[in-house]
């Protein structure tokens, strides 16, 4: 499983979205399951599972599934 697939798996588990329904345009506060509490849970799960620590600016910038993936991949390449 590559890094993008790991991110998608964590995202789908936290947001309770089946993997086949994931698309890059799922957005914070626009999807019924993605509220502030789930956002924090997502950040925590990604950090724990992938061994990274986000900056607060990046946490706030994660407004879509696509941005979650792009920002997380940036950390994994460091």
PDB file of N, CA and C in Angstrom:
ATOM      1  N   UNK A   1       0.842  -1.179   0.000  1.00  0.00           N
ATOM      2  CA  UNK A   1       0.000   0.000   0.000  1.00  0.00           C
ATOM      3  C   UNK A   1       0.886   1.241   0.000  1.00  0.00           C
ATOM      4  N   UNK A   2       0.674   2.131  -0.982  1.00  0.00           N
ATOM      5  CA  UNK A   2       1.499   3.337  -1.030  1.00  0.00           C
ATOM      6  C   UNK A   2       0.938   4.398  -0.091  1.00  0.00           C
ATOM      7  N   UNK A   3       1.679   5.509   0.049  1.00  0.00           N
ATOM      8  CA  UNK A   3       1.302   6.547   1.001  1.00  0.00           C
ATOM      9  C   UNK A   3      -0.064   7.152   0.707  1.00  0.00           C
ATOM     10  N   UNK A   4      -0.381   7.389  -0.554  1.00  0.00           N
ATOM     11  CA  UNK A   4      -1.686   7.956  -0.911  1.00  0.00           C
ATOM     12  C   UNK A   4      -2.821   7.016  -0.510  1.00  0.00           C
ATOM     13  N   UNK A   5      -2.602   5.735  -0.674  1.00  0.00           N
ATOM     14  CA  UNK A   5      -3.620   4.752  -0.279  1.00  0.00           C
ATOM     15  C   UNK A   5      -3.793   4.710   1.233  1.00  0.00           C
ATOM     16  N   UNK A   6      -2.684   4.836   1.991  1.00  0.00           N
ATOM     17  CA  UNK A   6      -2.763   4.872   3.449  1.00  0.00           C
ATOM     18  C   UNK A   6      -3.562   6.089   3.903  1.00  0.00           C
ATOM     19  N   UNK A   7      -3.299   7.230   3.288  1.00  0.00           N
ATOM     20  CA  UNK A   7      -4.016   8.461   3.629  1.00  0.00           C
ATOM     21  C   UNK A   7      -5.504   8.286   3.342  1.00  0.00           C
ATOM     22  N   UNK A   8      -5.823   7.735   2.188  1.00  0.00           N
ATOM     23  CA  UNK A   8      -7.225   7.514   1.811  1.00  0.00           C
ATOM     24  C   UNK A   8      -7.906   6.557   2.779  1.00  0.00           C
ATOM     25  N   UNK A   9      -7.212   5.521   3.193  1.00  0.00           N
ATOM     26  CA  UNK A   9      -7.782   4.554   4.130  1.00  0.00           C
ATOM     27  C   UNK A   9      -8.087   5.219   5.478  1.00  0.00           C
ATOM     28  N   UNK A  10      -7.136   5.981   5.987  1.00  0.00           N
ATOM     29  CA  UNK A  10      -7.336   6.673   7.266  1.00  0.00           C
ATOM     30  C   UNK A  10      -8.484   7.671   7.143  1.00  0.00           C
ATOM     31  N   UNK A  11      -8.487   8.437   6.066  1.00  0.00           N
ATOM     32  CA  UNK A  11      -9.535   9.431   5.847  1.00  0.00           C
ATOM     33  C   UNK A  11     -10.909   8.757   5.797  1.00  0.00           C
ATOM     34  N   UNK A  12     -11.020   7.699   5.028  1.00  0.00           N
ATOM     35  CA  UNK A  12     -12.321   7.031   4.886  1.00  0.00           C
ATOM     36  C   UNK A  12     -12.779   6.414   6.206  1.00  0.00           C
ATOM     37  N   UNK A  13     -11.850   5.886   6.989  1.00  0.00           N
ATOM     38  CA  UNK A  13     -12.214   5.315   8.288  1.00  0.00           C
ATOM     39  C   UNK A  13     -12.708   6.388   9.255  1.00  0.00           C
ATOM     40  N   UNK A  14     -11.985   7.488   9.340  1.00  0.00           N
ATOM     41  CA  UNK A  14     -12.358   8.559  10.265  1.00  0.00           C
ATOM     42  C   UNK A  14     -13.672   9.214   9.852  1.00  0.00           C
ATOM     43  N   UNK A  15     -13.827   9.469   8.573  1.00  0.00           N
ATOM     44  CA  UNK A  15     -15.019  10.167   8.083  1.00  0.00           C
ATOM     45  C   UNK A  15     -16.198   9.226   7.812  1.00  0.00           C
ATOM     46  N   UNK A  16     -15.955   7.915   7.964  1.00  0.00           N
ATOM     47  CA  UNK A  16     -16.985   6.910   7.709  1.00  0.00           C
ATOM     48  C   UNK A  16     -17.565   7.043   6.294  1.00  0.00           C
ATOM     49  N   UNK A  17     -16.643   7.123   5.335  1.00  0.00           N
ATOM     50  CA  UNK A  17     -16.979   7.208   3.912  1.00  0.00           C
ATOM     51  C   UNK A  17     -16.357   5.992   3.241  1.00  0.00           C
ATOM     52  N   UNK A  18     -17.123   5.261   2.463  1.00  0.00           N
ATOM     53  CA  UNK A  18     -16.529   4.125   1.769  1.00  0.00           C
ATOM     54  C   UNK A  18     -15.503   4.628   0.757  1.00  0.00           C
ATOM     55  N   UNK A  19     -14.464   3.851   0.584  1.00  0.00           N
ATOM     56  CA  UNK A  19     -13.343   4.260  -0.279  1.00  0.00           C
ATOM     57  C   UNK A  19     -13.792   4.612  -1.692  1.00  0.00           C
ATOM     58  N   UNK A  20     -14.768   3.886  -2.229  1.00  0.00           N
ATOM     59  CA  UNK A  20     -15.176   4.154  -3.609  1.00  0.00           C
ATOM     60  C   UNK A  20     -15.937   5.481  -3.737  1.00  0.00           C
ATOM     61  N   UNK A  21     -16.350   6.081  -2.631  1.00  0.00           N
ATOM     62  CA  UNK A  21     -17.023   7.386  -2.676  1.00  0.00           C
ATOM     63  C   UNK A  21     -16.082   8.556  -2.425  1.00  0.00           C
ATOM     64  N   UNK A  22     -14.821   8.257  -2.128  1.00  0.00           N
ATOM     65  CA  UNK A  22     -13.846   9.331  -1.906  1.00  0.00           C
ATOM     66  C   UNK A  22     -13.555  10.050  -3.214  1.00  0.00           C
ATOM     67  N   UNK A  23     -13.573  11.366  -3.160  1.00  0.00           N
ATOM     68  CA  UNK A  23     -13.071  12.140  -4.292  1.00  0.00           C
ATOM     69  C   UNK A  23     -12.395  13.393  -3.747  1.00  0.00           C
ATOM     70  N   UNK A  24     -11.556  13.980  -4.550  1.00  0.00           N
ATOM     71  CA  UNK A  24     -10.727  15.098  -4.103  1.00  0.00           C
ATOM     72  C   UNK A  24     -11.516  16.323  -3.688  1.00  0.00           C
ATOM     73  N   UNK A  25     -12.780  16.409  -4.050  1.00  0.00           N
ATOM     74  CA  UNK A  25     -13.574  17.600  -3.760  1.00  0.00           C
ATOM     75  C   UNK A  25     -14.360  17.520  -2.458  1.00  0.00           C
ATOM     76  N   UNK A  26     -14.263  16.407  -1.730  1.00  0.00           N
ATOM     77  CA  UNK A  26     -14.908  16.345  -0.417  1.00  0.00           C
ATOM     78  C   UNK A  26     -14.286  17.438   0.439  1.00  0.00           C
ATOM     79  N   UNK A  27     -15.143  18.281   1.021  1.00  0.00           N
ATOM     80  CA  UNK A  27     -14.635  19.463   1.711  1.00  0.00           C
ATOM     81  C   UNK A  27     -15.095  19.534   3.169  1.00  0.00           C
ATOM     82  N   UNK A  28     -14.240  20.125   3.976  1.00  0.00           N
ATOM     83  CA  UNK A  28     -14.512  20.377   5.392  1.00  0.00           C
ATOM     84  C   UNK A  28     -15.785  21.207   5.529  1.00  0.00           C
ATOM     85  N   UNK A  29     -16.643  20.805   6.437  1.00  0.00           N
ATOM     86  CA  UNK A  29     -17.931  21.452   6.713  1.00  0.00           C
ATOM     87  C   UNK A  29     -18.903  21.431   5.539  1.00  0.00           C
ATOM     88  N   UNK A  30     -18.565  20.812   4.437  1.00  0.00           N
ATOM     89  CA  UNK A  30     -19.512  20.630   3.338  1.00  0.00           C
ATOM     90  C   UNK A  30     -19.998  19.182   3.295  1.00  0.00           C
ATOM     91  N   UNK A  31     -19.201  18.286   3.820  1.00  0.00           N
ATOM     92  CA  UNK A  31     -19.588  16.880   3.919  1.00  0.00           C
ATOM     93  C   UNK A  31     -20.158  16.672   5.324  1.00  0.00           C
ATOM     94  N   UNK A  32     -21.276  15.964   5.438  1.00  0.00           N
ATOM     95  CA  UNK A  32     -21.932  15.828   6.747  1.00  0.00           C
ATOM     96  C   UNK A  32     -21.060  15.229   7.850  1.00  0.00           C
ATOM     97  N   UNK A  33     -20.114  14.391   7.514  1.00  0.00           N
ATOM     98  CA  UNK A  33     -19.270  13.768   8.536  1.00  0.00           C
ATOM     99  C   UNK A  33     -18.015  14.571   8.865  1.00  0.00           C
ATOM    100  N   UNK A  34     -17.724  15.612   8.097  1.00  0.00           N
ATOM    101  CA  UNK A  34     -16.461  16.331   8.307  1.00  0.00           C
ATOM    102  C   UNK A  34     -16.717  17.639   9.044  1.00  0.00           C
ATOM    103  N   UNK A  35     -16.741  17.542  10.367  1.00  0.00           N
ATOM    104  CA  UNK A  35     -16.901  18.721  11.208  1.00  0.00           C
ATOM    105  C   UNK A  35     -15.596  18.943  11.977  1.00  0.00           C
ATOM    106  N   UNK A  36     -15.594  19.901  12.888  1.00  0.00           N
ATOM    107  CA  UNK A  36     -14.352  20.241  13.591  1.00  0.00           C
ATOM    108  C   UNK A  36     -13.828  19.084  14.441  1.00  0.00           C
ATOM    109  N   UNK A  37     -14.720  18.339  15.061  1.00  0.00           N
ATOM    110  CA  UNK A  37     -14.279  17.209  15.881  1.00  0.00           C
ATOM    111  C   UNK A  37     -13.636  16.117  15.027  1.00  0.00           C
ATOM    112  N   UNK A  38     -14.269  15.796  13.922  1.00  0.00           N
ATOM    113  CA  UNK A  38     -13.699  14.775  13.022  1.00  0.00           C
ATOM    114  C   UNK A  38     -12.399  15.274  12.388  1.00  0.00           C
ATOM    115  N   UNK A  39     -12.304  16.560  12.153  1.00  0.00           N
ATOM    116  CA  UNK A  39     -11.070  17.116  11.583  1.00  0.00           C
ATOM    117  C   UNK A  39      -9.912  16.858  12.549  1.00  0.00           C
ATOM    118  N   UNK A  40     -10.130  17.129  13.824  1.00  0.00           N
ATOM    119  CA  UNK A  40      -9.081  16.888  14.818  1.00  0.00           C
ATOM    120  C   UNK A  40      -8.765  15.399  14.945  1.00  0.00           C
ATOM    121  N   UNK A  41      -9.793  14.576  14.871  1.00  0.00           N
ATOM    122  CA  UNK A  41      -9.581  13.129  14.912  1.00  0.00           C
ATOM    123  C   UNK A  41      -8.762  12.670  13.699  1.00  0.00           C
ATOM    124  N   UNK A  42      -9.074  13.240  12.528  1.00  0.00           N
ATOM    125  CA  UNK A  42      -8.329  12.910  11.311  1.00  0.00           C
ATOM    126  C   UNK A  42      -6.854  13.271  11.460  1.00  0.00           C
ATOM    127  N   UNK A  43      -6.595  14.467  11.944  1.00  0.00           N
ATOM    128  CA  UNK A  43      -5.203  14.917  12.127  1.00  0.00           C
ATOM    129  C   UNK A  43      -4.477  13.981  13.079  1.00  0.00           C
ATOM    130  N   UNK A  44      -5.112  13.650  14.190  1.00  0.00           N
ATOM    131  CA  UNK A  44      -4.502  12.765  15.178  1.00  0.00           C
ATOM    132  C   UNK A  44      -4.199  11.393  14.596  1.00  0.00           C
ATOM    133  N   UNK A  45      -5.150  10.824  13.873  1.00  0.00           N
ATOM    134  CA  UNK A  45      -4.953   9.498  13.262  1.00  0.00           C
ATOM    135  C   UNK A  45      -3.825   9.528  12.231  1.00  0.00           C
ATOM    136  N   UNK A  46      -3.810  10.543  11.385  1.00  0.00           N
ATOM    137  CA  UNK A  46      -2.757  10.642  10.374  1.00  0.00           C
ATOM    138  C   UNK A  46      -1.391  10.773  11.031  1.00  0.00           C
ATOM    139  N   UNK A  47      -1.296  11.631  12.051  1.00  0.00           N
ATOM    140  CA  UNK A  47      -0.010  11.807  12.736  1.00  0.00           C
ATOM    141  C   UNK A  47       0.443  10.510  13.399  1.00  0.00           C
ATOM    142  N   UNK A  48      -0.472   9.841  14.091  1.00  0.00           N
ATOM    143  CA  UNK A  48      -0.112   8.600  14.792  1.00  0.00           C
ATOM    144  C   UNK A  48       0.268   7.485  13.825  1.00  0.00           C
ATOM    145  N   UNK A  49      -0.536   7.287  12.804  1.00  0.00           N
ATOM    146  CA  UNK A  49      -0.312   6.179  11.866  1.00  0.00           C
ATOM    147  C   UNK A  49       0.896   6.396  10.959  1.00  0.00           C
ATOM    148  N   UNK A  50       1.171   7.651  10.622  1.00  0.00           N
ATOM    149  CA  UNK A  50       2.237   7.932   9.660  1.00  0.00           C
ATOM    150  C   UNK A  50       3.509   8.484  10.303  1.00  0.00           C
ATOM    151  N   UNK A  51       3.474   8.718  11.610  1.00  0.00           N
ATOM    152  CA  UNK A  51       4.668   9.187  12.321  1.00  0.00           C
ATOM    153  C   UNK A  51       5.097  10.585  11.926  1.00  0.00           C
ATOM    154  N   UNK A  52       4.131  11.491  11.751  1.00  0.00           N
ATOM    155  CA  UNK A  52       4.428  12.866  11.371  1.00  0.00           C
ATOM    156  C   UNK A  52       3.786  13.818  12.374  1.00  0.00           C
ATOM    157  N   UNK A  53       4.135  15.111  12.288  1.00  0.00           N
ATOM    158  CA  UNK A  53       3.504  16.139  13.112  1.00  0.00           C
ATOM    159  C   UNK A  53       3.299  17.370  12.249  1.00  0.00           C
ATOM    160  N   UNK A  54       2.030  17.737  12.068  1.00  0.00           N
ATOM    161  CA  UNK A  54       1.676  18.879  11.213  1.00  0.00           C
ATOM    162  C   UNK A  54       1.897  20.203  11.926  1.00  0.00           C
ATOM    163  N   UNK A  55       2.158  21.230  11.137  1.00  0.00           N
ATOM    164  CA  UNK A  55       2.142  22.591  11.667  1.00  0.00           C
ATOM    165  C   UNK A  55       0.686  23.037  11.746  1.00  0.00           C
ATOM    166  N   UNK A  56       0.391  24.007  12.602  1.00  0.00           N
ATOM    167  CA  UNK A  56      -0.979  24.502  12.732  1.00  0.00           C
ATOM    168  C   UNK A  56      -1.465  25.099  11.420  1.00  0.00           C
ATOM    169  N   UNK A  57      -0.588  25.759  10.676  1.00  0.00           N
ATOM    170  CA  UNK A  57      -0.977  26.329   9.377  1.00  0.00           C
ATOM    171  C   UNK A  57      -1.442  25.244   8.421  1.00  0.00           C
ATOM    172  N   UNK A  58      -0.757  24.119   8.409  1.00  0.00           N
ATOM    173  CA  UNK A  58      -1.147  23.031   7.520  1.00  0.00           C
ATOM    174  C   UNK A  58      -2.451  22.382   7.965  1.00  0.00           C
ATOM    175  N   UNK A  59      -2.641  22.257   9.272  1.00  0.00           N
ATOM    176  CA  UNK A  59      -3.900  21.702   9.780  1.00  0.00           C
ATOM    177  C   UNK A  59      -5.072  22.564   9.317  1.00  0.00           C
ATOM    178  N   UNK A  60      -4.918  23.855   9.391  1.00  0.00           N
ATOM    179  CA  UNK A  60      -5.971  24.781   8.985  1.00  0.00           C
ATOM    180  C   UNK A  60      -6.159  24.809   7.475  1.00  0.00           C
ATOM    181  N   UNK A  61      -5.121  24.495   6.728  1.00  0.00           N
ATOM    182  CA  UNK A  61      -5.197  24.515   5.261  1.00  0.00           C
ATOM    183  C   UNK A  61      -5.880  23.279   4.689  1.00  0.00           C
ATOM    184  N   UNK A  62      -6.065  22.254   5.491  1.00  0.00           N
ATOM    185  CA  UNK A  62      -6.646  20.997   5.013  1.00  0.00           C
ATOM    186  C   UNK A  62      -8.160  21.135   4.869  1.00  0.00           C
ATOM    187  N   UNK A  63      -8.584  21.756   3.791  1.00  0.00           N
ATOM    188  CA  UNK A  63     -10.005  22.058   3.571  1.00  0.00           C
ATOM    189  C   UNK A  63     -10.704  21.063   2.644  1.00  0.00           C
ATOM    190  N   UNK A  64      -9.931  20.264   1.920  1.00  0.00           N
ATOM    191  CA  UNK A  64     -10.496  19.244   1.030  1.00  0.00           C
ATOM    192  C   UNK A  64      -9.674  17.961   1.176  1.00  0.00           C
ATOM    193  N   UNK A  65     -10.258  16.866   0.726  1.00  0.00           N
ATOM    194  CA  UNK A  65      -9.521  15.604   0.742  1.00  0.00           C
ATOM    195  C   UNK A  65      -8.237  15.721  -0.081  1.00  0.00           C
ATOM    196  N   UNK A  66      -8.303  16.423  -1.193  1.00  0.00           N
ATOM    197  CA  UNK A  66      -7.114  16.611  -2.028  1.00  0.00           C
ATOM    198  C   UNK A  66      -6.019  17.337  -1.252  1.00  0.00           C
ATOM    199  N   UNK A  67      -6.376  18.389  -0.515  1.00  0.00           N
ATOM    200  CA  UNK A  67      -5.368  19.124   0.257  1.00  0.00           C
ATOM    201  C   UNK A  67      -4.824  18.278   1.409  1.00  0.00           C
ATOM    202  N   UNK A  68      -5.674  17.471   2.021  1.00  0.00           N
ATOM    203  CA  UNK A  68      -5.199  16.554   3.071  1.00  0.00           C
ATOM    204  C   UNK A  68      -4.120  15.650   2.489  1.00  0.00           C
ATOM    205  N   UNK A  69      -4.381  15.102   1.335  1.00  0.00           N
ATOM    206  CA  UNK A  69      -3.432  14.196   0.689  1.00  0.00           C
ATOM    207  C   UNK A  69      -2.144  14.927   0.313  1.00  0.00           C
ATOM    208  N   UNK A  70      -2.254  16.062  -0.359  1.00  0.00           N
ATOM    209  CA  UNK A  70      -1.071  16.808  -0.803  1.00  0.00           C
ATOM    210  C   UNK A  70      -0.201  17.245   0.375  1.00  0.00           C
ATOM    211  N   UNK A  71      -0.821  17.791   1.401  1.00  0.00           N
ATOM    212  CA  UNK A  71      -0.062  18.272   2.557  1.00  0.00           C
ATOM    213  C   UNK A  71       0.593  17.103   3.287  1.00  0.00           C
ATOM    214  N   UNK A  72      -0.125  16.012   3.449  1.00  0.00           N
ATOM    215  CA  UNK A  72       0.432  14.848   4.143  1.00  0.00           C
ATOM    216  C   UNK A  72       1.592  14.244   3.359  1.00  0.00           C
ATOM    217  N   UNK A  73       1.451  14.148   2.047  1.00  0.00           N
ATOM    218  CA  UNK A  73       2.551  13.620   1.231  1.00  0.00           C
ATOM    219  C   UNK A  73       3.801  14.486   1.352  1.00  0.00           C
ATOM    220  N   UNK A  74       3.613  15.781   1.493  1.00  0.00           N
ATOM    221  CA  UNK A  74       4.752  16.703   1.683  1.00  0.00           C
ATOM    222  C   UNK A  74       5.520  16.329   2.954  1.00  0.00           C
ATOM    223  N   UNK A  75       4.811  15.997   4.018  1.00  0.00           N
ATOM    224  CA  UNK A  75       5.458  15.615   5.254  1.00  0.00           C
ATOM    225  C   UNK A  75       6.156  14.260   5.143  1.00  0.00           C
ATOM    226  N   UNK A  76       5.589  13.374   4.397  1.00  0.00           N
ATOM    227  CA  UNK A  76       6.167  12.041   4.259  1.00  0.00           C
ATOM    228  C   UNK A  76       7.434  12.045   3.396  1.00  0.00           C
ATOM    229  N   UNK A  77       7.615  13.085   2.613  1.00  0.00           N
ATOM    230  CA  UNK A  77       8.789  13.171   1.751  1.00  0.00           C
ATOM    231  C   UNK A  77       9.949  13.889   2.425  1.00  0.00           C
ATOM    232  N   UNK A  78       9.735  14.401   3.632  1.00  0.00           N
ATOM    233  CA  UNK A  78      10.810  15.119   4.357  1.00  0.00           C
ATOM    234  C   UNK A  78      11.812  14.150   4.901  1.00  0.00           C
TER     235      UNK A  78
END
